[in-house]
Amino acid sequence: MPVTIALGGSPSIYWYLTRATGAVALLLLSVTLALGVINVRRLKGRSLPRFLLSDMHRYSSLLAVVFVALHVLTTVLDGFAPVSLIAAVAPFTSSYRPLWLSLGSVAFDLLLALIMTSLLAGRLSHRAWRATHWLAYACWPLALVHALGTGSDARLSWFLLIALLCVALVALAVLARVLSTPRLPASARAGALGALTAFLLFLVIWLPSGPLASNWARRAGTPAALLGHPK
């Protein structure tokens, strides 16, 4: 049964923790993806310390995993929304904003797959390892849309600023990689720019009529019993 620490009916400590860890995890996932996209090994130089490049990519990915795990744990422990540990890994098993929560579940599953293949890297072929790590490109947009659609902070300026920073960071990384790789196949170049453009257009169209619009909590699938809650 979820453990909730509340003072005088105020939101629990876990509610604040799940919001904070979710925001930090999103930032770290964005940094990790951006560093992976621009391919940090290509940027090594005598004037740049190693830890600022390839090691930074490794450490940011490890920190992202830690904060994602903390985000999942504090969400389950909060007890405000009916989110179980099973719902964290199995999509469409929670009644709380099922679609948007499920996007987070899928992103979490993809992250778990990345962790497992990293641990088993010595036993996998390079092709299999590389194919699985392409999942990181799907993990990030799913996590971002999950945060905007499920979280209670989507309309707050500080969270929108974080989301904008994450999008700008990844977009700049994609553009930097495309522009700095003359030998990149035309199909790969078009695919990267096309995917980036499509996702940006999706956000521009969806946000005003979705999380930024009034009555989003009801339309997103929040149970009726929770709609009048101060959260």
C-alpha atoms as a PDB file:
ATOM      1  CA  MET A   1       0.000   0.000   0.000  1.00  0.00           C
ATOM      2  CA  PRO A   2       1.500   3.400  -0.893  1.00  0.00           C
ATOM      3  CA  VAL A   3       3.043   5.357   1.930  1.00  0.00           C
ATOM      4  CA  THR A   4       2.104   9.038   1.875  1.00  0.00           C
ATOM      5  CA  ILE A   5       3.625  11.668   4.135  1.00  0.00           C
ATOM      6  CA  ALA A   6       1.344  14.670   4.307  1.00  0.00           C
ATOM      7  CA  LEU A   7       1.166  17.567   6.720  1.00  0.00           C
ATOM      8  CA  GLY A   8      -2.259  19.024   7.388  1.00  0.00           C
ATOM      9  CA  GLY A   9      -3.692  17.649   4.163  1.00  0.00           C
ATOM     10  CA  SER A  10      -0.987  19.257   2.048  1.00  0.00           C
ATOM     11  CA  PRO A  11       0.675  17.387  -0.839  1.00  0.00           C
ATOM     12  CA  SER A  12       3.032  14.645   0.247  1.00  0.00           C
ATOM     13  CA  ILE A  13       6.796  14.878   0.211  1.00  0.00           C
ATOM     14  CA  TYR A  14       6.799  12.228  -2.502  1.00  0.00           C
ATOM     15  CA  TRP A  15       4.718  14.495  -4.758  1.00  0.00           C
ATOM     16  CA  TYR A  16       7.400  17.172  -4.656  1.00  0.00           C
ATOM     17  CA  LEU A  17      10.117  14.574  -5.108  1.00  0.00           C
ATOM     18  CA  THR A  18       8.496  12.952  -8.138  1.00  0.00           C
ATOM     19  CA  ARG A  19       8.139  16.357  -9.828  1.00  0.00           C
ATOM     20  CA  ALA A  20      11.740  17.299  -9.089  1.00  0.00           C
ATOM     21  CA  THR A  21      13.253  13.954 -10.086  1.00  0.00           C
ATOM     22  CA  GLY A  22      11.150  13.890 -13.258  1.00  0.00           C
ATOM     23  CA  ALA A  23      12.377  17.329 -14.331  1.00  0.00           C
ATOM     24  CA  VAL A  24      16.011  16.467 -13.590  1.00  0.00           C
ATOM     25  CA  ALA A  25      15.690  13.107 -15.368  1.00  0.00           C
ATOM     26  CA  LEU A  26      14.308  14.845 -18.461  1.00  0.00           C
ATOM     27  CA  LEU A  27      17.210  17.289 -18.485  1.00  0.00           C
ATOM     28  CA  LEU A  28      19.755  14.482 -18.089  1.00  0.00           C
ATOM     29  CA  LEU A  29      18.130  12.392 -20.827  1.00  0.00           C
ATOM     30  CA  SER A  30      18.291  15.426 -23.116  1.00  0.00           C
ATOM     31  CA  VAL A  31      21.971  16.003 -22.367  1.00  0.00           C
ATOM     32  CA  THR A  32      22.747  12.316 -22.870  1.00  0.00           C
ATOM     33  CA  LEU A  33      20.901  12.176 -26.178  1.00  0.00           C
ATOM     34  CA  ALA A  34      22.474  15.404 -27.415  1.00  0.00           C
ATOM     35  CA  LEU A  35      25.978  14.153 -26.634  1.00  0.00           C
ATOM     36  CA  GLY A  36      25.203  10.858 -28.328  1.00  0.00           C
ATOM     37  CA  VAL A  37      23.791  12.534 -31.422  1.00  0.00           C
ATOM     38  CA  ILE A  38      26.776  14.790 -32.006  1.00  0.00           C
ATOM     39  CA  ASN A  39      29.048  11.779 -31.369  1.00  0.00           C
ATOM     40  CA  VAL A  40      31.426  12.989 -28.648  1.00  0.00           C
ATOM     41  CA  ARG A  41      34.313  10.921 -29.985  1.00  0.00           C
ATOM     42  CA  ARG A  42      34.405  13.173 -33.045  1.00  0.00           C
ATOM     43  CA  LEU A  43      34.906  16.240 -30.855  1.00  0.00           C
ATOM     44  CA  LYS A  44      37.969  15.119 -28.937  1.00  0.00           C
ATOM     45  CA  GLY A  45      40.834  17.521 -29.132  1.00  0.00           C
ATOM     46  CA  ARG A  46      43.972  18.450 -27.269  1.00  0.00           C
ATOM     47  CA  SER A  47      42.378  21.532 -25.749  1.00  0.00           C
ATOM     48  CA  LEU A  48      39.360  19.657 -24.352  1.00  0.00           C
ATOM     49  CA  PRO A  49      39.681  17.309 -21.344  1.00  0.00           C
ATOM     50  CA  ARG A  50      38.364  13.818 -21.866  1.00  0.00           C
ATOM     51  CA  PHE A  51      35.890  14.054 -18.973  1.00  0.00           C
ATOM     52  CA  LEU A  52      34.092  16.921 -20.703  1.00  0.00           C
ATOM     53  CA  LEU A  53      33.362  14.757 -23.712  1.00  0.00           C
ATOM     54  CA  SER A  54      33.041  10.978 -23.741  1.00  0.00           C
ATOM     55  CA  ASP A  55      33.103  10.650 -19.956  1.00  0.00           C
ATOM     56  CA  MET A  56      30.462  13.336 -19.662  1.00  0.00           C
ATOM     57  CA  HIS A  57      28.222  11.294 -21.945  1.00  0.00           C
ATOM     58  CA  ARG A  58      28.741   8.202 -19.818  1.00  0.00           C
ATOM     59  CA  TYR A  59      28.161   9.959 -16.500  1.00  0.00           C
ATOM     60  CA  SER A  60      25.089  11.844 -17.691  1.00  0.00           C
ATOM     61  CA  SER A  61      23.529   8.585 -18.870  1.00  0.00           C
ATOM     62  CA  LEU A  62      24.196   6.939 -15.496  1.00  0.00           C
ATOM     63  CA  LEU A  63      22.729   9.911 -13.637  1.00  0.00           C
ATOM     64  CA  ALA A  64      19.705   9.855 -15.942  1.00  0.00           C
ATOM     65  CA  VAL A  65      19.064   6.215 -15.039  1.00  0.00           C
ATOM     66  CA  VAL A  66      19.325   7.029 -11.320  1.00  0.00           C
ATOM     67  CA  PHE A  67      16.877   9.943 -11.518  1.00  0.00           C
ATOM     68  CA  VAL A  68      14.433   8.015 -13.709  1.00  0.00           C
ATOM     69  CA  ALA A  69      14.450   5.222 -11.119  1.00  0.00           C
ATOM     70  CA  LEU A  70      13.872   7.746  -8.329  1.00  0.00           C
ATOM     71  CA  HIS A  71      11.083   9.350 -10.336  1.00  0.00           C
ATOM     72  CA  VAL A  72       9.329   6.010 -10.776  1.00  0.00           C
ATOM     73  CA  LEU A  73       9.789   5.072  -7.113  1.00  0.00           C
ATOM     74  CA  THR A  74       8.505   8.371  -5.717  1.00  0.00           C
ATOM     75  CA  THR A  75       5.540   8.308  -8.116  1.00  0.00           C
ATOM     76  CA  VAL A  76       4.521   4.891  -6.828  1.00  0.00           C
ATOM     77  CA  LEU A  77       5.041   5.906  -3.194  1.00  0.00           C
ATOM     78  CA  ASP A  78       3.158   9.176  -3.507  1.00  0.00           C
ATOM     79  CA  GLY A  79      -0.248   7.506  -3.427  1.00  0.00           C
ATOM     80  CA  PHE A  80      -2.129  10.497  -4.901  1.00  0.00           C
ATOM     81  CA  ALA A  81      -2.621   8.927  -8.307  1.00  0.00           C
ATOM     82  CA  PRO A  82      -3.331   5.194  -8.743  1.00  0.00           C
ATOM     83  CA  VAL A  83       0.081   4.398 -10.230  1.00  0.00           C
ATOM     84  CA  SER A  84       1.473   1.020  -9.211  1.00  0.00           C
ATOM     85  CA  LEU A  85       4.906  -0.415  -9.795  1.00  0.00           C
ATOM     86  CA  ILE A  86       3.368  -2.645 -12.461  1.00  0.00           C
ATOM     87  CA  ALA A  87       1.927   0.413 -14.234  1.00  0.00           C
ATOM     88  CA  ALA A  88       5.413   1.930 -14.321  1.00  0.00           C
ATOM     89  CA  VAL A  89       6.600  -0.832 -16.660  1.00  0.00           C
ATOM     90  CA  ALA A  90       3.353  -2.121 -18.203  1.00  0.00           C
ATOM     91  CA  PRO A  91       1.517   0.405 -20.415  1.00  0.00           C
ATOM     92  CA  PHE A  92      -2.255   0.934 -20.041  1.00  0.00           C
ATOM     93  CA  THR A  93      -2.501  -0.696 -16.610  1.00  0.00           C
ATOM     94  CA  SER A  94      -3.293   2.489 -14.696  1.00  0.00           C
ATOM     95  CA  SER A  95      -6.523   4.491 -14.688  1.00  0.00           C
ATOM     96  CA  TYR A  96      -4.634   7.764 -14.181  1.00  0.00           C
ATOM     97  CA  ARG A  97      -4.105   9.543 -17.524  1.00  0.00           C
ATOM     98  CA  PRO A  98      -3.562   6.123 -19.164  1.00  0.00           C
ATOM     99  CA  LEU A  99      -2.194   7.239 -22.546  1.00  0.00           C
ATOM    100  CA  TRP A 100       0.263   9.814 -21.233  1.00  0.00           C
ATOM    101  CA  LEU A 101       1.382   7.648 -18.333  1.00  0.00           C
ATOM    102  CA  SER A 102       1.861   4.739 -20.733  1.00  0.00           C
ATOM    103  CA  LEU A 103       4.259   6.813 -22.837  1.00  0.00           C
ATOM    104  CA  GLY A 104       6.414   7.129 -19.734  1.00  0.00           C
ATOM    105  CA  SER A 105       6.142   3.381 -19.147  1.00  0.00           C
ATOM    106  CA  VAL A 106       7.328   2.659 -22.688  1.00  0.00           C
ATOM    107  CA  ALA A 107      10.197   5.136 -22.301  1.00  0.00           C
ATOM    108  CA  PHE A 108      11.158   3.440 -19.033  1.00  0.00           C
ATOM    109  CA  ASP A 109      11.048   0.003 -20.694  1.00  0.00           C
ATOM    110  CA  LEU A 110      13.293   1.258 -23.504  1.00  0.00           C
ATOM    111  CA  LEU A 111      15.702   2.628 -20.927  1.00  0.00           C
ATOM    112  CA  LEU A 112      15.746  -0.727 -19.145  1.00  0.00           C
ATOM    113  CA  ALA A 113      16.519  -2.412 -22.479  1.00  0.00           C
ATOM    114  CA  LEU A 114      19.439  -0.024 -22.995  1.00  0.00           C
ATOM    115  CA  ILE A 115      20.773  -0.806 -19.522  1.00  0.00           C
ATOM    116  CA  MET A 116      20.524  -4.565 -20.046  1.00  0.00           C
ATOM    117  CA  THR A 117      22.275  -4.462 -23.420  1.00  0.00           C
ATOM    118  CA  SER A 118      25.009  -2.281 -21.952  1.00  0.00           C
ATOM    119  CA  LEU A 119      25.586  -4.813 -19.186  1.00  0.00           C
ATOM    120  CA  LEU A 120      25.652  -7.617 -21.757  1.00  0.00           C
ATOM    121  CA  ALA A 121      27.696  -5.707 -24.317  1.00  0.00           C
ATOM    122  CA  GLY A 122      30.507  -8.263 -24.171  1.00  0.00           C
ATOM    123  CA  ARG A 123      28.113 -11.060 -25.143  1.00  0.00           C
ATOM    124  CA  LEU A 124      26.299  -9.233 -27.936  1.00  0.00           C
ATOM    125  CA  SER A 125      27.424  -8.507 -31.444  1.00  0.00           C
ATOM    126  CA  HIS A 126      28.234  -4.903 -32.191  1.00  0.00           C
ATOM    127  CA  ARG A 127      25.337  -4.791 -34.656  1.00  0.00           C
ATOM    128  CA  ALA A 128      22.837  -6.005 -32.023  1.00  0.00           C
ATOM    129  CA  TRP A 129      24.202  -3.608 -29.422  1.00  0.00           C
ATOM    130  CA  ARG A 130      24.081  -0.685 -31.831  1.00  0.00           C
ATOM    131  CA  ALA A 131      20.549  -1.527 -32.995  1.00  0.00           C
ATOM    132  CA  THR A 132      19.282  -1.629 -29.426  1.00  0.00           C
ATOM    133  CA  HIS A 133      20.941   1.676 -28.589  1.00  0.00           C
ATOM    134  CA  TRP A 134      18.972   3.332 -31.360  1.00  0.00           C
ATOM    135  CA  LEU A 135      16.094   2.981 -28.890  1.00  0.00           C
ATOM    136  CA  ALA A 136      17.541   5.987 -27.077  1.00  0.00           C
ATOM    137  CA  TYR A 137      16.255   8.165 -29.901  1.00  0.00           C
ATOM    138  CA  ALA A 138      12.697   6.983 -29.189  1.00  0.00           C
ATOM    139  CA  CYS A 139      13.082   7.155 -25.409  1.00  0.00           C
ATOM    140  CA  TRP A 140      13.582  10.930 -25.325  1.00  0.00           C
ATOM    141  CA  PRO A 141      10.481  12.168 -27.240  1.00  0.00           C
ATOM    142  CA  LEU A 142       8.313   9.664 -25.364  1.00  0.00           C
ATOM    143  CA  ALA A 143       9.659  10.926 -22.044  1.00  0.00           C
ATOM    144  CA  LEU A 144       9.117  14.563 -23.035  1.00  0.00           C
ATOM    145  CA  VAL A 145       5.511  14.041 -24.174  1.00  0.00           C
ATOM    146  CA  HIS A 146       4.882  11.930 -21.055  1.00  0.00           C
ATOM    147  CA  ALA A 147       6.141  14.765 -18.845  1.00  0.00           C
ATOM    148  CA  LEU A 148       3.966  17.332 -20.599  1.00  0.00           C
ATOM    149  CA  GLY A 149       0.862  15.162 -20.750  1.00  0.00           C
ATOM    150  CA  THR A 150       0.994  13.510 -17.333  1.00  0.00           C
ATOM    151  CA  GLY A 151       2.693  16.017 -15.080  1.00  0.00           C
ATOM    152  CA  SER A 152       0.904  18.721 -13.111  1.00  0.00           C
ATOM    153  CA  ASP A 153       3.466  21.401 -14.033  1.00  0.00           C
ATOM    154  CA  ALA A 154       2.968  21.610 -17.796  1.00  0.00           C
ATOM    155  CA  ARG A 155       1.395  25.068 -17.573  1.00  0.00           C
ATOM    156  CA  LEU A 156       3.995  26.471 -15.183  1.00  0.00           C
ATOM    157  CA  SER A 157       6.637  28.763 -16.652  1.00  0.00           C
ATOM    158  CA  TRP A 158       9.593  27.054 -14.967  1.00  0.00           C
ATOM    159  CA  PHE A 159       8.665  23.651 -16.383  1.00  0.00           C
ATOM    160  CA  LEU A 160       7.934  25.044 -19.840  1.00  0.00           C
ATOM    161  CA  LEU A 161      11.362  26.669 -19.753  1.00  0.00           C
ATOM    162  CA  ILE A 162      12.951  23.306 -18.917  1.00  0.00           C
ATOM    163  CA  ALA A 163      11.005  21.603 -21.714  1.00  0.00           C
ATOM    164  CA  LEU A 164      12.035  24.323 -24.173  1.00  0.00           C
ATOM    165  CA  LEU A 165      15.666  23.968 -23.099  1.00  0.00           C
ATOM    166  CA  CYS A 166      15.535  20.197 -23.625  1.00  0.00           C
ATOM    167  CA  VAL A 167      13.994  20.549 -27.087  1.00  0.00           C
ATOM    168  CA  ALA A 168      16.485  23.251 -28.099  1.00  0.00           C
ATOM    169  CA  LEU A 169      19.424  21.165 -26.856  1.00  0.00           C
ATOM    170  CA  VAL A 170      18.440  18.082 -28.845  1.00  0.00           C
ATOM    171  CA  ALA A 171      17.482  20.104 -31.933  1.00  0.00           C
ATOM    172  CA  LEU A 172      20.834  21.912 -31.944  1.00  0.00           C
ATOM    173  CA  ALA A 173      22.646  18.583 -31.528  1.00  0.00           C
ATOM    174  CA  VAL A 174      20.821  17.108 -34.542  1.00  0.00           C
ATOM    175  CA  LEU A 175      21.588  20.170 -36.663  1.00  0.00           C
ATOM    176  CA  ALA A 176      25.231  20.157 -35.543  1.00  0.00           C
ATOM    177  CA  ARG A 177      25.609  16.491 -36.467  1.00  0.00           C
ATOM    178  CA  VAL A 178      23.986  16.933 -39.875  1.00  0.00           C
ATOM    179  CA  LEU A 179      25.980  20.038 -40.748  1.00  0.00           C
ATOM    180  CA  SER A 180      29.296  18.692 -39.464  1.00  0.00           C
ATOM    181  CA  THR A 181      29.114  15.335 -41.257  1.00  0.00           C
ATOM    182  CA  PRO A 182      29.603  15.956 -45.003  1.00  0.00           C
ATOM    183  CA  ARG A 183      29.695  12.228 -45.773  1.00  0.00           C
ATOM    184  CA  LEU A 184      26.375  11.548 -44.051  1.00  0.00           C
ATOM    185  CA  PRO A 185      24.100   9.736 -46.550  1.00  0.00           C
ATOM    186  CA  ALA A 186      21.341  11.898 -47.999  1.00  0.00           C
ATOM    187  CA  SER A 187      18.702   9.491 -46.697  1.00  0.00           C
ATOM    188  CA  ALA A 188      20.049   9.729 -43.147  1.00  0.00           C
ATOM    189  CA  ARG A 189      20.269  13.516 -43.393  1.00  0.00           C
ATOM    190  CA  ALA A 190      16.690  13.785 -44.646  1.00  0.00           C
ATOM    191  CA  GLY A 191      15.455  11.301 -42.055  1.00  0.00           C
ATOM    192  CA  ALA A 192      17.043  13.173 -39.144  1.00  0.00           C
ATOM    193  CA  LEU A 193      15.819  16.595 -40.260  1.00  0.00           C
ATOM    194  CA  GLY A 194      12.396  15.215 -41.157  1.00  0.00           C
ATOM    195  CA  ALA A 195      11.937  13.515 -37.792  1.00  0.00           C
ATOM    196  CA  LEU A 196      13.068  16.638 -35.938  1.00  0.00           C
ATOM    197  CA  THR A 197      10.740  18.888 -37.954  1.00  0.00           C
ATOM    198  CA  ALA A 198       7.773  16.542 -37.505  1.00  0.00           C
ATOM    199  CA  PHE A 199       8.278  16.374 -33.743  1.00  0.00           C
ATOM    200  CA  LEU A 200       8.602  20.151 -33.420  1.00  0.00           C
ATOM    201  CA  LEU A 201       5.415  20.633 -35.462  1.00  0.00           C
ATOM    202  CA  PHE A 202       3.642  18.104 -33.270  1.00  0.00           C
ATOM    203  CA  LEU A 203       4.582  20.049 -30.131  1.00  0.00           C
ATOM    204  CA  VAL A 204       3.543  23.372 -31.655  1.00  0.00           C
ATOM    205  CA  ILE A 205       0.120  21.980 -32.654  1.00  0.00           C
ATOM    206  CA  TRP A 206      -0.513  19.749 -29.632  1.00  0.00           C
ATOM    207  CA  LEU A 207       0.552  21.919 -26.694  1.00  0.00           C
ATOM    208  CA  PRO A 208      -1.931  24.815 -27.127  1.00  0.00           C
ATOM    209  CA  SER A 209      -4.889  22.452 -27.457  1.00  0.00           C
ATOM    210  CA  GLY A 210      -3.491  19.902 -25.008  1.00  0.00           C
ATOM    211  CA  PRO A 211      -1.591  20.470 -21.750  1.00  0.00           C
ATOM    212  CA  LEU A 212      -1.675  24.275 -22.075  1.00  0.00           C
ATOM    213  CA  ALA A 213      -5.444  24.381 -22.611  1.00  0.00           C
ATOM    214  CA  SER A 214      -8.040  24.522 -19.867  1.00  0.00           C
ATOM    215  CA  ASN A 215      -9.710  21.327 -18.651  1.00  0.00           C
ATOM    216  CA  TRP A 216      -6.680  19.243 -19.716  1.00  0.00           C
ATOM    217  CA  ALA A 217      -6.750  17.178 -16.527  1.00  0.00           C
ATOM    218  CA  ARG A 218     -10.204  15.829 -17.352  1.00  0.00           C
ATOM    219  CA  ARG A 219      -9.452  15.288 -21.044  1.00  0.00           C
ATOM    220  CA  ALA A 220      -6.137  13.587 -20.237  1.00  0.00           C
ATOM    221  CA  GLY A 221      -7.935  10.873 -18.285  1.00  0.00           C
ATOM    222  CA  THR A 222      -7.653  11.961 -14.657  1.00  0.00           C
ATOM    223  CA  PRO A 223     -10.153   9.958 -12.552  1.00  0.00           C
ATOM    224  CA  ALA A 224     -13.189  12.029 -11.547  1.00  0.00           C
ATOM    225  CA  ALA A 225     -12.435  11.526  -7.854  1.00  0.00           C
ATOM    226  CA  LEU A 226      -9.131  13.363  -8.250  1.00  0.00           C
ATOM    227  CA  LEU A 227     -10.237  16.296 -10.407  1.00  0.00           C
ATOM    228  CA  GLY A 228     -11.080  18.532  -7.467  1.00  0.00           C
ATOM    229  CA  HIS A 229      -7.850  17.812  -5.623  1.00  0.00           C
ATOM    230  CA  PRO A 230      -5.530  20.810  -5.024  1.00  0.00           C
ATOM    231  CA  LYS A 231      -2.758  19.039  -6.893  1.00  0.00           C
END
